[in-house]
Amino acid sequence: MAKFQFRFETLLSLRRAARDERAAALGQAMEARNRLQSWIDDLEAEIDQIKRSRIGIGRLDADQILASASYEASLRSILAGYTSDLAKVDEEVERRREALTVADQAVRVLEKLRERKLEQHQKTLLEQEAKVLDEVATSGSVRRAITSGDEA
């Protein structure tokens, strides 16, 4: 009985490897996105802290107000850059997610083909086995008929 051999096994392995690479690339992009979002969250928290410190009770110092306003402006500038970068990273994440979807679909197509070919192979083996059993049963009944015919 012949062992099952999928003709496209090498191609399936290559497509699986490509899918795994796409998944790793997506993971890296997601990690970069999360890190950037964390920085944005930290900057927003710091800007909120600066705003709250200006509202404090007590004597107002013009130099301190100017310094905190200047610092807040520089933080807002950095925040604007990070927000712009985040939009670019989000686009990259989406592009990599789509590439992973395409690669995964290519793998699934070959896996389904492999499953169908395996089922077809198993069905052929069962049919061959049934033929052999039928031949054995037929030859056994012929032998019995011949042996019983000799005794008569």
Protein backbone atom coordinates (compact mmCIF):
# COMPACT_ATOMS: atom_id res chain seq x y z
CA MET A 1 0.00 0.00 0.00
CA ALA A 2 1.32 3.36 -1.07
CA LYS A 3 2.19 5.96 1.51
CA PHE A 4 0.41 9.32 1.14
CA GLN A 5 2.59 11.91 -0.56
CA PHE A 6 1.28 15.48 -0.94
CA ARG A 7 2.82 16.99 -4.07
CA PHE A 8 2.75 20.53 -2.70
CA GLU A 9 4.21 19.78 0.75
CA THR A 10 7.25 21.99 0.09
CA LEU A 11 5.05 24.84 -1.10
CA LEU A 12 2.86 24.42 1.98
CA SER A 13 5.95 24.61 4.21
CA LEU A 14 7.12 27.75 2.43
CA ARG A 15 3.73 29.38 2.78
CA ARG A 16 3.58 28.48 6.45
CA ALA A 17 7.01 30.04 6.94
CA ALA A 18 5.88 33.18 5.09
CA ARG A 19 2.75 33.34 7.25
CA ASP A 20 4.85 33.00 10.40
CA GLU A 21 7.11 35.83 9.20
CA ARG A 22 4.07 38.02 8.57
CA ALA A 23 2.76 37.21 12.04
CA ALA A 24 6.11 38.14 13.59
CA ALA A 25 6.19 41.40 11.60
CA LEU A 26 2.68 42.22 12.79
CA GLY A 27 3.73 41.48 16.36
CA GLN A 28 6.66 43.88 16.05
CA ALA A 29 4.43 46.61 14.63
CA MET A 30 1.89 46.07 17.41
CA GLU A 31 4.66 46.25 19.99
CA ALA A 32 5.92 49.52 18.50
CA ARG A 33 2.36 50.87 18.47
CA ASN A 34 1.81 49.94 22.11
CA ARG A 35 5.11 51.51 23.15
CA LEU A 36 4.25 54.72 21.27
CA GLN A 37 0.77 54.79 22.80
CA SER A 38 2.32 54.39 26.23
CA TRP A 39 4.58 57.38 25.60
CA ILE A 40 1.58 59.41 24.45
CA ASP A 41 -0.34 58.45 27.58
CA ASP A 42 2.63 59.44 29.74
CA LEU A 43 2.93 62.83 28.02
CA GLU A 44 -0.79 63.51 28.37
CA ALA A 45 -0.59 62.66 32.06
CA GLU A 46 2.36 65.00 32.50
CA ILE A 47 0.54 67.81 30.66
CA ASP A 48 -2.47 67.28 32.93
CA GLN A 49 -0.17 67.44 35.95
CA ILE A 50 1.28 70.75 34.75
CA LYS A 51 -2.21 72.18 34.27
CA ARG A 52 -3.23 71.11 37.77
CA SER A 53 -0.09 72.60 39.30
CA ARG A 54 -0.92 76.00 37.82
CA ILE A 55 -4.30 75.98 39.49
CA GLY A 56 -2.74 75.55 42.92
CA ILE A 57 -3.57 77.83 45.78
CA GLY A 58 -1.04 80.38 46.79
CA ARG A 59 0.97 83.20 45.44
CA LEU A 60 1.33 83.36 41.64
CA ASP A 61 4.85 83.57 40.29
CA ALA A 62 4.98 84.93 36.73
CA ASP A 63 8.33 83.24 35.98
CA GLN A 64 7.02 79.90 37.18
CA ILE A 65 3.87 80.30 35.09
CA LEU A 66 5.91 81.17 32.00
CA ALA A 67 8.29 78.26 32.58
CA SER A 68 5.46 75.76 33.03
CA ALA A 69 3.67 77.15 29.95
CA SER A 70 6.87 76.83 27.93
CA TYR A 71 7.41 73.29 29.20
CA GLU A 72 3.80 72.41 28.43
CA ALA A 73 4.19 73.81 24.89
CA SER A 74 7.29 71.69 24.30
CA LEU A 75 5.47 68.61 25.63
CA ARG A 76 2.52 69.36 23.33
CA SER A 77 4.93 69.63 20.40
CA ILE A 78 6.42 66.23 21.26
CA LEU A 79 2.91 64.86 21.74
CA ALA A 80 1.88 66.12 18.29
CA GLY A 81 4.89 64.32 16.77
CA TYR A 82 4.07 61.10 18.60
CA THR A 83 0.42 61.35 17.55
CA SER A 84 1.50 61.77 13.93
CA ASP A 85 3.84 58.79 14.28
CA LEU A 86 1.02 56.78 15.84
CA ALA A 87 -1.16 57.36 12.78
CA LYS A 88 1.67 56.09 10.55
CA VAL A 89 2.25 53.09 12.77
CA ASP A 90 -1.48 52.33 12.75
CA GLU A 91 -1.38 52.30 8.94
CA GLU A 92 1.61 49.95 9.04
CA VAL A 93 -0.13 47.67 11.53
CA GLU A 94 -3.16 47.50 9.27
CA ARG A 95 -0.98 46.80 6.21
CA ARG A 96 0.81 44.00 8.05
CA ARG A 97 -2.49 42.61 9.34
CA GLU A 98 -3.78 42.43 5.76
CA ALA A 99 -0.56 40.73 4.62
CA LEU A 100 -0.97 38.18 7.40
CA THR A 101 -4.57 37.55 6.36
CA VAL A 102 -3.51 36.94 2.75
CA ALA A 103 -0.68 34.63 3.84
CA ASP A 104 -2.98 32.73 6.19
CA GLN A 105 -5.54 32.30 3.44
CA ALA A 106 -2.86 30.89 1.12
CA VAL A 107 -1.88 28.37 3.79
CA ARG A 108 -5.49 27.37 4.43
CA VAL A 109 -6.08 26.77 0.72
CA LEU A 110 -3.15 24.35 0.55
CA GLU A 111 -4.13 22.69 3.83
CA LYS A 112 -7.66 22.07 2.52
CA LEU A 113 -6.22 20.69 -0.71
CA ARG A 114 -3.95 18.43 1.34
CA GLU A 115 -6.92 17.21 3.40
CA ARG A 116 -8.94 16.44 0.27
CA LYS A 117 -6.01 14.59 -1.32
CA LEU A 118 -5.47 12.61 1.88
CA GLU A 119 -9.15 11.64 2.01
CA GLN A 120 -9.00 10.68 -1.65
CA HIS A 121 -5.88 8.59 -0.99
CA GLN A 122 -7.52 6.83 1.96
CA LYS A 123 -10.64 6.15 -0.11
CA THR A 124 -8.50 4.65 -2.89
CA LEU A 125 -6.69 2.46 -0.35
CA LEU A 126 -10.00 1.24 1.05
CA GLU A 127 -11.28 0.46 -2.45
CA GLN A 128 -8.10 -1.48 -3.26
CA GLU A 129 -8.39 -3.36 0.01
CA ALA A 130 -12.03 -4.20 -0.73
CA LYS A 131 -11.03 -5.51 -4.17
CA VAL A 132 -8.36 -7.73 -2.64
CA LEU A 133 -10.81 -9.05 -0.05
CA ASP A 134 -13.40 -9.69 -2.76
CA GLU A 135 -10.82 -11.57 -4.81
CA VAL A 136 -9.79 -13.64 -1.80
CA ALA A 137 -13.41 -14.41 -1.00
CA THR A 138 -14.14 -15.29 -4.64
CA SER A 139 -11.07 -17.48 -4.99
CA GLY A 140 -11.92 -19.19 -1.68
CA SER A 141 -15.44 -20.02 -2.87
CA VAL A 142 -14.05 -21.25 -6.22
CA ARG A 143 -11.60 -23.50 -4.36
CA ARG A 144 -14.39 -24.84 -2.21
CA ALA A 145 -16.50 -25.47 -5.26
CA ILE A 146 -13.62 -27.23 -6.97
CA THR A 147 -12.77 -29.29 -3.90
CA SER A 148 -16.37 -30.22 -3.30
CA GLY A 149 -16.75 -31.08 -7.02
CA ASP A 150 -13.74 -33.48 -6.81
CA GLU A 151 -15.31 -35.35 -3.91
CA ALA A 152 -18.50 -36.02 -5.78
